[in-house]
C-alpha atoms as a PDB file:
ATOM      1  CA  UNK A   1     146.502 166.487 143.174  1.00  0.00           C
ATOM      2  CA  UNK A   2     145.049 164.135 145.784  1.00  0.00           C
ATOM      3  CA  UNK A   3     147.123 162.539 148.522  1.00  0.00           C
ATOM      4  CA  UNK A   4     146.540 159.048 147.088  1.00  0.00           C
ATOM      5  CA  UNK A   5     147.840 160.058 143.647  1.00  0.00           C
ATOM      6  CA  UNK A   6     150.915 161.726 145.147  1.00  0.00           C
ATOM      7  CA  UNK A   7     151.556 158.614 147.226  1.00  0.00           C
ATOM      8  CA  UNK A   8     151.240 156.368 144.179  1.00  0.00           C
ATOM      9  CA  UNK A   9     153.675 158.532 142.189  1.00  0.00           C
ATOM     10  CA  UNK A  10     156.097 158.390 145.123  1.00  0.00           C
ATOM     11  CA  UNK A  11     155.767 154.595 145.207  1.00  0.00           C
ATOM     12  CA  UNK A  12     156.731 154.303 141.535  1.00  0.00           C
ATOM     13  CA  UNK A  13     159.637 156.723 141.959  1.00  0.00           C
ATOM     14  CA  UNK A  14     160.865 154.630 144.884  1.00  0.00           C
ATOM     15  CA  UNK A  15     160.312 151.450 142.883  1.00  0.00           C
ATOM     16  CA  UNK A  16     162.809 152.551 140.248  1.00  0.00           C
ATOM     17  CA  UNK A  17     165.070 154.350 142.752  1.00  0.00           C
ATOM     18  CA  UNK A  18     164.764 157.509 140.679  1.00  0.00           C
ATOM     19  CA  UNK A  19     167.399 159.280 142.794  1.00  0.00           C
ATOM     20  CA  UNK A  20     169.954 156.728 141.549  1.00  0.00           C
ATOM     21  CA  UNK A  21     169.603 158.212 138.062  1.00  0.00           C
ATOM     22  CA  UNK A  22     172.510 160.363 139.239  1.00  0.00           C
ATOM     23  CA  UNK A  23     174.857 157.454 138.471  1.00  0.00           C
ATOM     24  CA  UNK A  24     174.366 157.032 134.710  1.00  0.00           C
ATOM     25  CA  UNK A  25     172.626 160.211 133.530  1.00  0.00           C
ATOM     26  CA  UNK A  26     175.637 162.543 134.019  1.00  0.00           C
ATOM     27  CA  UNK A  27     177.706 160.261 131.772  1.00  0.00           C
ATOM     28  CA  UNK A  28     174.952 160.234 129.161  1.00  0.00           C
ATOM     29  CA  UNK A  29     175.039 164.030 129.167  1.00  0.00           C
ATOM     30  CA  UNK A  30     178.816 163.915 128.681  1.00  0.00           C
ATOM     31  CA  UNK A  31     178.321 161.522 125.752  1.00  0.00           C
ATOM     32  CA  UNK A  32     175.798 163.897 124.211  1.00  0.00           C
ATOM     33  CA  UNK A  33     178.040 166.965 124.406  1.00  0.00           C
ATOM     34  CA  UNK A  34     181.053 164.903 123.384  1.00  0.00           C
ATOM     35  CA  UNK A  35     179.479 164.566 119.941  1.00  0.00           C
ATOM     36  CA  UNK A  36     179.786 168.331 119.561  1.00  0.00           C
ATOM     37  CA  UNK A  37     183.527 168.261 120.225  1.00  0.00           C
ATOM     38  CA  UNK A  38     184.555 165.014 118.537  1.00  0.00           C
ATOM     39  CA  UNK A  39     182.115 164.917 115.623  1.00  0.00           C
ATOM     40  CA  UNK A  40     181.374 168.628 115.203  1.00  0.00           C
ATOM     41  CA  UNK A  41     177.643 168.237 115.797  1.00  0.00           C
ATOM     42  CA  UNK A  42     175.498 171.258 116.625  1.00  0.00           C
ATOM     43  CA  UNK A  43     173.459 171.299 119.826  1.00  0.00           C
ATOM     44  CA  UNK A  44     169.827 170.225 119.381  1.00  0.00           C
ATOM     45  CA  UNK A  45     167.236 170.748 122.121  1.00  0.00           C
ATOM     46  CA  UNK A  46     164.995 168.196 120.423  1.00  0.00           C
ATOM     47  CA  UNK A  47     167.609 165.423 120.466  1.00  0.00           C
ATOM     48  CA  UNK A  48     168.721 166.392 123.973  1.00  0.00           C
ATOM     49  CA  UNK A  49     165.153 166.080 125.268  1.00  0.00           C
ATOM     50  CA  UNK A  50     164.588 162.778 123.454  1.00  0.00           C
ATOM     51  CA  UNK A  51     167.887 161.413 124.767  1.00  0.00           C
ATOM     52  CA  UNK A  52     166.899 162.278 128.352  1.00  0.00           C
ATOM     53  CA  UNK A  53     163.490 160.656 127.847  1.00  0.00           C
ATOM     54  CA  UNK A  54     165.084 157.518 126.407  1.00  0.00           C
ATOM     55  CA  UNK A  55     167.394 157.335 129.421  1.00  0.00           C
ATOM     56  CA  UNK A  56     164.501 157.636 131.867  1.00  0.00           C
ATOM     57  CA  UNK A  57     162.300 155.118 130.041  1.00  0.00           C
ATOM     58  CA  UNK A  58     165.146 152.603 129.703  1.00  0.00           C
ATOM     59  CA  UNK A  59     166.056 152.906 133.351  1.00  0.00           C
ATOM     60  CA  UNK A  60     162.431 152.664 134.461  1.00  0.00           C
ATOM     61  CA  UNK A  61     162.059 149.505 132.365  1.00  0.00           C
ATOM     62  CA  UNK A  62     165.168 147.879 133.807  1.00  0.00           C
ATOM     63  CA  UNK A  63     164.615 148.827 137.446  1.00  0.00           C
ATOM     64  CA  UNK A  64     160.924 147.942 137.587  1.00  0.00           C
ATOM     65  CA  UNK A  65     161.582 144.634 135.805  1.00  0.00           C
ATOM     66  CA  UNK A  66     164.361 143.909 138.288  1.00  0.00           C
ATOM     67  CA  UNK A  67     161.999 144.543 141.197  1.00  0.00           C
ATOM     68  CA  UNK A  68     159.377 142.295 139.581  1.00  0.00           C
ATOM     69  CA  UNK A  69     161.839 139.439 138.998  1.00  0.00           C
ATOM     70  CA  UNK A  70     163.303 139.785 142.513  1.00  0.00           C
ATOM     71  CA  UNK A  71     159.992 140.178 144.350  1.00  0.00           C
ATOM     72  CA  UNK A  72     160.203 136.789 146.096  1.00  0.00           C
ATOM     73  CA  UNK A  73     163.874 137.205 147.037  1.00  0.00           C
ATOM     74  CA  UNK A  74     163.172 140.710 148.330  1.00  0.00           C
ATOM     75  CA  UNK A  75     160.354 139.394 150.512  1.00  0.00           C
ATOM     76  CA  UNK A  76     162.771 137.269 152.589  1.00  0.00           C
ATOM     77  CA  UNK A  77     165.757 139.632 152.686  1.00  0.00           C
ATOM     78  CA  UNK A  78     165.540 141.877 155.793  1.00  0.00           C
ATOM     79  CA  UNK A  79     167.219 144.698 153.838  1.00  0.00           C
ATOM     80  CA  UNK A  80     164.586 144.701 151.091  1.00  0.00           C
ATOM     81  CA  UNK A  81     161.288 143.696 152.731  1.00  0.00           C
ATOM     82  CA  UNK A  82     160.213 147.340 152.740  1.00  0.00           C
ATOM     83  CA  UNK A  83     160.384 147.625 148.961  1.00  0.00           C
ATOM     84  CA  UNK A  84     157.175 148.347 147.089  1.00  0.00           C
ATOM     85  CA  UNK A  85     156.338 144.790 145.988  1.00  0.00           C
ATOM     86  CA  UNK A  86     157.155 142.860 149.197  1.00  0.00           C
ATOM     87  CA  UNK A  87     155.360 145.494 151.279  1.00  0.00           C
ATOM     88  CA  UNK A  88     152.310 145.359 148.948  1.00  0.00           C
ATOM     89  CA  UNK A  89     152.459 149.087 148.203  1.00  0.00           C
ATOM     90  CA  UNK A  90     152.287 148.117 144.539  1.00  0.00           C
ATOM     91  CA  UNK A  91     150.856 144.970 142.973  1.00  0.00           C
ATOM     92  CA  UNK A  92     152.845 142.657 140.707  1.00  0.00           C
ATOM     93  CA  UNK A  93     150.433 143.278 137.829  1.00  0.00           C
ATOM     94  CA  UNK A  94     150.715 147.068 138.111  1.00  0.00           C
ATOM     95  CA  UNK A  95     154.514 146.858 138.099  1.00  0.00           C
ATOM     96  CA  UNK A  96     154.460 144.586 135.057  1.00  0.00           C
ATOM     97  CA  UNK A  97     152.212 147.065 133.238  1.00  0.00           C
ATOM     98  CA  UNK A  98     154.654 149.825 134.228  1.00  0.00           C
ATOM     99  CA  UNK A  99     157.467 147.763 132.673  1.00  0.00           C
ATOM    100  CA  UNK A 100     155.644 147.291 129.357  1.00  0.00           C
ATOM    101  CA  UNK A 101     154.630 150.951 129.143  1.00  0.00           C
ATOM    102  CA  UNK A 102     158.211 152.123 129.683  1.00  0.00           C
ATOM    103  CA  UNK A 103     159.610 149.600 127.203  1.00  0.00           C
ATOM    104  CA  UNK A 104     157.154 150.854 124.571  1.00  0.00           C
ATOM    105  CA  UNK A 105     157.987 154.485 125.317  1.00  0.00           C
ATOM    106  CA  UNK A 106     161.714 153.727 125.139  1.00  0.00           C
ATOM    107  CA  UNK A 107     161.438 152.086 121.713  1.00  0.00           C
ATOM    108  CA  UNK A 108     159.194 154.898 120.451  1.00  0.00           C
ATOM    109  CA  UNK A 109     161.663 157.521 121.677  1.00  0.00           C
ATOM    110  CA  UNK A 110     164.625 155.813 120.002  1.00  0.00           C
ATOM    111  CA  UNK A 111     162.614 155.710 116.759  1.00  0.00           C
ATOM    112  CA  UNK A 112     162.188 159.474 116.973  1.00  0.00           C
ATOM    113  CA  UNK A 113     165.939 160.015 117.400  1.00  0.00           C
ATOM    114  CA  UNK A 114     167.533 158.169 114.479  1.00  0.00           C
ATOM    115  CA  UNK A 115     167.609 154.814 112.710  1.00  0.00           C
ATOM    116  CA  UNK A 116     170.645 153.441 114.556  1.00  0.00           C
ATOM    117  CA  UNK A 117     169.231 154.177 118.008  1.00  0.00           C
ATOM    118  CA  UNK A 118     166.054 152.325 117.008  1.00  0.00           C
ATOM    119  CA  UNK A 119     168.050 149.325 115.742  1.00  0.00           C
ATOM    120  CA  UNK A 120     170.092 149.232 118.959  1.00  0.00           C
ATOM    121  CA  UNK A 121     167.072 149.601 121.241  1.00  0.00           C
ATOM    122  CA  UNK A 122     166.391 145.837 121.268  1.00  0.00           C
ATOM    123  CA  UNK A 123     169.927 144.710 122.231  1.00  0.00           C
ATOM    124  CA  UNK A 124     169.996 147.528 124.792  1.00  0.00           C
ATOM    125  CA  UNK A 125     166.774 146.227 126.360  1.00  0.00           C
ATOM    126  CA  UNK A 126     168.123 142.666 126.384  1.00  0.00           C
ATOM    127  CA  UNK A 127     171.213 143.838 128.271  1.00  0.00           C
ATOM    128  CA  UNK A 128     169.550 146.089 130.840  1.00  0.00           C
ATOM    129  CA  UNK A 129     166.675 143.700 131.549  1.00  0.00           C
ATOM    130  CA  UNK A 130     168.690 140.500 131.253  1.00  0.00           C
ATOM    131  CA  UNK A 131     170.872 141.723 134.108  1.00  0.00           C
ATOM    132  CA  UNK A 132     168.044 140.864 136.517  1.00  0.00           C
ATOM    133  CA  UNK A 133     168.642 137.132 135.996  1.00  0.00           C
ATOM    134  CA  UNK A 134     172.448 137.076 136.215  1.00  0.00           C
ATOM    135  CA  UNK A 135     172.775 136.734 139.999  1.00  0.00           C
ATOM    136  CA  UNK A 136     170.909 133.447 139.748  1.00  0.00           C
ATOM    137  CA  UNK A 137     173.659 131.979 137.561  1.00  0.00           C
ATOM    138  CA  UNK A 138     177.008 133.769 137.918  1.00  0.00           C
ATOM    139  CA  UNK A 139     179.068 135.774 140.392  1.00  0.00           C
ATOM    140  CA  UNK A 140     179.984 138.015 137.452  1.00  0.00           C
ATOM    141  CA  UNK A 141     176.534 139.621 137.723  1.00  0.00           C
ATOM    142  CA  UNK A 142     178.125 142.890 138.888  1.00  0.00           C
ATOM    143  CA  UNK A 143     179.620 143.315 135.439  1.00  0.00           C
ATOM    144  CA  UNK A 144     176.164 142.892 133.945  1.00  0.00           C
ATOM    145  CA  UNK A 145     175.119 145.981 135.877  1.00  0.00           C
ATOM    146  CA  UNK A 146     178.284 147.737 134.747  1.00  0.00           C
ATOM    147  CA  UNK A 147     177.504 146.942 131.114  1.00  0.00           C
ATOM    148  CA  UNK A 148     173.927 148.178 131.565  1.00  0.00           C
ATOM    149  CA  UNK A 149     175.106 151.563 132.822  1.00  0.00           C
ATOM    150  CA  UNK A 150     177.926 151.725 130.266  1.00  0.00           C
ATOM    151  CA  UNK A 151     175.336 151.876 127.485  1.00  0.00           C
ATOM    152  CA  UNK A 152     174.375 155.408 128.568  1.00  0.00           C
ATOM    153  CA  UNK A 153     177.292 157.495 127.196  1.00  0.00           C
ATOM    154  CA  UNK A 154     177.662 155.661 123.890  1.00  0.00           C
ATOM    155  CA  UNK A 155     173.886 155.700 123.446  1.00  0.00           C
ATOM    156  CA  UNK A 156     173.761 159.448 124.022  1.00  0.00           C
ATOM    157  CA  UNK A 157     176.626 159.964 121.562  1.00  0.00           C
ATOM    158  CA  UNK A 158     174.853 157.886 118.910  1.00  0.00           C
ATOM    159  CA  UNK A 159     171.680 159.902 119.452  1.00  0.00           C
ATOM    160  CA  UNK A 160     173.577 162.940 118.193  1.00  0.00           C
ATOM    161  CA  UNK A 161     175.724 161.368 115.485  1.00  0.00           C
ATOM    162  CA  UNK A 162     174.067 158.160 114.338  1.00  0.00           C
ATOM    163  CA  UNK A 163     177.504 156.513 114.407  1.00  0.00           C
ATOM    164  CA  UNK A 164     180.116 154.954 116.707  1.00  0.00           C
ATOM    165  CA  UNK A 165     183.427 156.458 117.835  1.00  0.00           C
ATOM    166  CA  UNK A 166     186.314 155.307 120.043  1.00  0.00           C
ATOM    167  CA  UNK A 167     186.034 158.294 122.419  1.00  0.00           C
ATOM    168  CA  UNK A 168     182.553 157.567 123.841  1.00  0.00           C
ATOM    169  CA  UNK A 169     183.529 153.890 123.989  1.00  0.00           C
ATOM    170  CA  UNK A 170     186.395 154.851 126.314  1.00  0.00           C
ATOM    171  CA  UNK A 171     183.883 156.756 128.435  1.00  0.00           C
ATOM    172  CA  UNK A 172     181.630 153.691 128.464  1.00  0.00           C
ATOM    173  CA  UNK A 173     184.570 151.569 129.626  1.00  0.00           C
ATOM    174  CA  UNK A 174     185.106 154.020 132.499  1.00  0.00           C
ATOM    175  CA  UNK A 175     181.450 153.694 133.492  1.00  0.00           C
ATOM    176  CA  UNK A 176     181.657 149.896 133.188  1.00  0.00           C
ATOM    177  CA  UNK A 177     184.590 149.536 135.596  1.00  0.00           C
ATOM    178  CA  UNK A 178     183.378 152.240 137.973  1.00  0.00           C
ATOM    179  CA  UNK A 179     179.811 150.966 138.330  1.00  0.00           C
ATOM    180  CA  UNK A 180     180.646 147.257 138.484  1.00  0.00           C
ATOM    181  CA  UNK A 181     183.226 148.104 141.152  1.00  0.00           C
ATOM    182  CA  UNK A 182     180.791 149.986 143.353  1.00  0.00           C
ATOM    183  CA  UNK A 183     178.148 147.270 142.865  1.00  0.00           C
ATOM    184  CA  UNK A 184     180.610 144.724 144.264  1.00  0.00           C
ATOM    185  CA  UNK A 185     181.024 146.941 147.327  1.00  0.00           C
ATOM    186  CA  UNK A 186     177.270 147.406 147.671  1.00  0.00           C
ATOM    187  CA  UNK A 187     176.721 143.643 147.619  1.00  0.00           C
ATOM    188  CA  UNK A 188     178.961 143.220 150.680  1.00  0.00           C
ATOM    189  CA  UNK A 189     175.891 143.900 152.795  1.00  0.00           C
ATOM    190  CA  UNK A 190     174.128 140.830 151.381  1.00  0.00           C
ATOM    191  CA  UNK A 191     177.043 138.394 151.618  1.00  0.00           C
ATOM    192  CA  UNK A 192     175.503 136.072 154.214  1.00  0.00           C
ATOM    193  CA  UNK A 193     172.029 136.261 152.704  1.00  0.00           C
ATOM    194  CA  UNK A 194     173.395 135.450 149.244  1.00  0.00           C
ATOM    195  CA  UNK A 195     175.246 132.409 150.583  1.00  0.00           C
ATOM    196  CA  UNK A 196     172.153 131.151 152.394  1.00  0.00           C
ATOM    197  CA  UNK A 197     169.855 131.480 149.380  1.00  0.00           C
ATOM    198  CA  UNK A 198     172.386 130.447 146.700  1.00  0.00           C
ATOM    199  CA  UNK A 199     172.487 133.879 145.084  1.00  0.00           C
ATOM    200  CA  UNK A 200     175.659 134.503 143.136  1.00  0.00           C
ATOM    201  CA  UNK A 201     177.936 137.455 143.882  1.00  0.00           C
ATOM    202  CA  UNK A 202     181.657 138.055 144.229  1.00  0.00           C
ATOM    203  CA  UNK A 203     181.443 138.565 148.032  1.00  0.00           C
ATOM    204  CA  UNK A 204     179.401 135.363 148.413  1.00  0.00           C
ATOM    205  CA  UNK A 205     181.851 133.414 146.235  1.00  0.00           C
ATOM    206  CA  UNK A 206     185.206 134.773 147.406  1.00  0.00           C
ATOM    207  CA  UNK A 207     184.524 136.518 150.704  1.00  0.00           C
ATOM    208  CA  UNK A 208     184.478 140.145 151.744  1.00  0.00           C
ATOM    209  CA  UNK A 209     188.228 140.852 151.649  1.00  0.00           C
ATOM    210  CA  UNK A 210     188.816 139.419 148.177  1.00  0.00           C
ATOM    211  CA  UNK A 211     185.687 141.112 146.856  1.00  0.00           C
ATOM    212  CA  UNK A 212     187.021 144.463 148.009  1.00  0.00           C
ATOM    213  CA  UNK A 213     190.308 143.744 146.240  1.00  0.00           C
ATOM    214  CA  UNK A 214     188.474 142.913 142.989  1.00  0.00           C
ATOM    215  CA  UNK A 215     186.510 146.156 143.289  1.00  0.00           C
ATOM    216  CA  UNK A 216     189.686 148.145 143.986  1.00  0.00           C
ATOM    217  CA  UNK A 217     191.483 146.645 140.969  1.00  0.00           C
ATOM    218  CA  UNK A 218     188.563 147.581 138.722  1.00  0.00           C
ATOM    219  CA  UNK A 219     188.566 151.116 140.051  1.00  0.00           C
ATOM    220  CA  UNK A 220     192.346 151.355 139.638  1.00  0.00           C
ATOM    221  CA  UNK A 221     191.920 150.509 135.951  1.00  0.00           C
ATOM    222  CA  UNK A 222     189.682 153.562 135.600  1.00  0.00           C
ATOM    223  CA  UNK A 223     192.715 155.870 135.923  1.00  0.00           C
ATOM    224  CA  UNK A 224     194.464 154.938 132.628  1.00  0.00           C
ATOM    225  CA  UNK A 225     191.094 155.151 130.889  1.00  0.00           C
ATOM    226  CA  UNK A 226     190.609 158.672 132.242  1.00  0.00           C
ATOM    227  CA  UNK A 227     193.987 159.543 130.715  1.00  0.00           C
ATOM    228  CA  UNK A 228     193.020 157.962 127.382  1.00  0.00           C
ATOM    229  CA  UNK A 229     189.776 159.923 127.403  1.00  0.00           C
ATOM    230  CA  UNK A 230     191.750 163.116 128.049  1.00  0.00           C
ATOM    231  CA  UNK A 231     193.960 162.441 125.031  1.00  0.00           C
ATOM    232  CA  UNK A 232     191.426 161.164 122.490  1.00  0.00           C
ATOM    233  CA  UNK A 233     188.635 163.457 123.673  1.00  0.00           C
ATOM    234  CA  UNK A 234     190.843 166.541 123.294  1.00  0.00           C
ATOM    235  CA  UNK A 235     190.113 167.611 126.866  1.00  0.00           C
ATOM    236  CA  UNK A 236     191.655 170.461 128.836  1.00  0.00           C
ATOM    237  CA  UNK A 237     192.333 171.731 132.343  1.00  0.00           C
ATOM    238  CA  UNK A 238     188.743 171.669 133.567  1.00  0.00           C
ATOM    239  CA  UNK A 239     188.457 168.007 132.642  1.00  0.00           C
ATOM    240  CA  UNK A 240     191.667 167.267 134.547  1.00  0.00           C
ATOM    241  CA  UNK A 241     190.142 168.833 137.673  1.00  0.00           C
ATOM    242  CA  UNK A 242     186.962 166.781 137.277  1.00  0.00           C
ATOM    243  CA  UNK A 243     188.901 163.573 136.660  1.00  0.00           C
ATOM    244  CA  UNK A 244     191.088 164.240 139.717  1.00  0.00           C
ATOM    245  CA  UNK A 245     188.040 164.775 141.949  1.00  0.00           C
ATOM    246  CA  UNK A 246     186.418 161.649 140.499  1.00  0.00           C
ATOM    247  CA  UNK A 247     189.552 159.609 141.241  1.00  0.00           C
ATOM    248  CA  UNK A 248     189.853 160.950 144.800  1.00  0.00           C
ATOM    249  CA  UNK A 249     186.238 160.020 145.523  1.00  0.00           C
ATOM    250  CA  UNK A 250     186.879 156.507 144.215  1.00  0.00           C
ATOM    251  CA  UNK A 251     189.819 156.225 146.597  1.00  0.00           C
ATOM    252  CA  UNK A 252     187.747 157.691 149.433  1.00  0.00           C
ATOM    253  CA  UNK A 253     185.069 155.006 149.240  1.00  0.00           C
ATOM    254  CA  UNK A 254     187.705 152.302 149.550  1.00  0.00           C
ATOM    255  CA  UNK A 255     189.206 154.026 152.582  1.00  0.00           C
ATOM    256  CA  UNK A 256     185.936 154.227 154.526  1.00  0.00           C
ATOM    257  CA  UNK A 257     184.960 150.582 153.962  1.00  0.00           C
ATOM    258  CA  UNK A 258     186.928 147.803 155.609  1.00  0.00           C
ATOM    259  CA  UNK A 259     186.441 144.012 155.618  1.00  0.00           C
ATOM    260  CA  UNK A 260     185.665 144.235 159.331  1.00  0.00           C
ATOM    261  CA  UNK A 261     183.470 147.346 159.123  1.00  0.00           C
ATOM    262  CA  UNK A 262     180.995 148.156 156.335  1.00  0.00           C
ATOM    263  CA  UNK A 263     178.869 150.516 158.431  1.00  0.00           C
ATOM    264  CA  UNK A 264     179.617 153.392 156.036  1.00  0.00           C
ATOM    265  CA  UNK A 265     178.602 151.423 152.967  1.00  0.00           C
ATOM    266  CA  UNK A 266     175.681 153.699 152.091  1.00  0.00           C
ATOM    267  CA  UNK A 267     177.942 156.755 152.255  1.00  0.00           C
ATOM    268  CA  UNK A 268     180.344 155.075 149.844  1.00  0.00           C
ATOM    269  CA  UNK A 269     177.640 153.794 147.512  1.00  0.00           C
ATOM    270  CA  UNK A 270     175.310 156.735 147.074  1.00  0.00           C
ATOM    271  CA  UNK A 271     176.987 159.863 148.417  1.00  0.00           C
ATOM    272  CA  UNK A 272     180.508 159.264 147.131  1.00  0.00           C
ATOM    273  CA  UNK A 273     179.551 157.835 143.737  1.00  0.00           C
ATOM    274  CA  UNK A 274     176.672 160.255 143.208  1.00  0.00           C
ATOM    275  CA  UNK A 275     178.869 163.268 143.916  1.00  0.00           C
ATOM    276  CA  UNK A 276     181.674 161.780 141.810  1.00  0.00           C
ATOM    277  CA  UNK A 277     179.513 161.363 138.704  1.00  0.00           C
ATOM    278  CA  UNK A 278     177.926 164.805 139.018  1.00  0.00           C
ATOM    279  CA  UNK A 279     181.198 166.672 139.503  1.00  0.00           C
ATOM    280  CA  UNK A 280     182.927 164.724 136.748  1.00  0.00           C
ATOM    281  CA  UNK A 281     180.096 165.578 134.345  1.00  0.00           C
ATOM    282  CA  UNK A 282     180.025 169.253 135.326  1.00  0.00           C
ATOM    283  CA  UNK A 283     183.755 169.757 134.776  1.00  0.00           C
ATOM    284  CA  UNK A 284     183.870 167.651 131.598  1.00  0.00           C
ATOM    285  CA  UNK A 285     180.912 169.381 129.931  1.00  0.00           C
ATOM    286  CA  UNK A 286     182.303 172.753 131.056  1.00  0.00           C
ATOM    287  CA  UNK A 287     185.586 171.826 129.386  1.00  0.00           C
ATOM    288  CA  UNK A 288     183.804 170.841 126.166  1.00  0.00           C
ATOM    289  CA  UNK A 289     181.750 174.037 126.014  1.00  0.00           C
ATOM    290  CA  UNK A 290     184.565 176.386 127.057  1.00  0.00           C
END
C-alpha cells in the first residue's frame, strides 16, 4: 500500500475520530449479548458481524456529516483548525461522498439484519445526523449527542430479537445520561468561543460552575439506573464489579476537573470514559456468559 493511500485512510479515520468508537460500541456489544440472557436468543456470528458493521457505518455517517456541517466553525476555532476539512487534508466534496456512502451501507446492513432494524434506520439517521445542527439552536444539544449514543444498545438488542424490551432501554438511559454528562464537561473548553460566536451550550449559557453541576447531576442519576439494570437484567457479581468501577471512574472525572482548572479535561473525557465503557462491557458480558 502506497504512502499516499495510507495517509488518506488515516485522514478519514481521524475525520470520524475512530478511536472514540470506544464510547458507544462496548454498550452495543452488551445490548447484543443481553438478548441472549433476557430473550433466550442464540449467538449468531452473522448478526454480530452485521451489528458491528451497522454501528461503524452509522457512526461514520454521523461524525463525517458533523465535520462537514461544522467546517466553517472549525476553521475559526483554535482548538479545531487542525481538523481534516479546515486544514484542507480532505475536500468538502470527498467528505460529503463519504457521508452518502456510509449512509447507504448503514441502511443496506440494517436490511440484512431484520425488518425492524430496517424500519428504524431512518429515524436513527435523523437523530444521529440531526444532532449536528442542535448547537445552533439550543443549549440542550449535549442531550442530542446522548440520545445519538443511546441508540447503540437498544439497536444491538433489536438486531438479535427484532423486538423491544425494558432492559436494553434501561441500558440506553444509562448511556444517555453518561454521554450527555461527559459532553457537557468536554464543551467547557469552548465556553468563550461559543459565547463569541453565538453557539449554544450549557457552559456558554450558564457558566462553567453550573455546567459542571448539571453534568454531575446527570451522572449521579446513572447510579439508580445501574441498580435497575442489575435487577431487571438478572445480573450477578461480575456485573456489580463492573458497575462499581464504572461509577468510580465517573466520580474520578469530576474530581480532576474544577471550575478554575480544566487542564485535565482530555484525561477525563477520553481516558476515564473510554476505560469506563470498556471495563463495564467486559464485566457485564462476562456476567452474561458465565
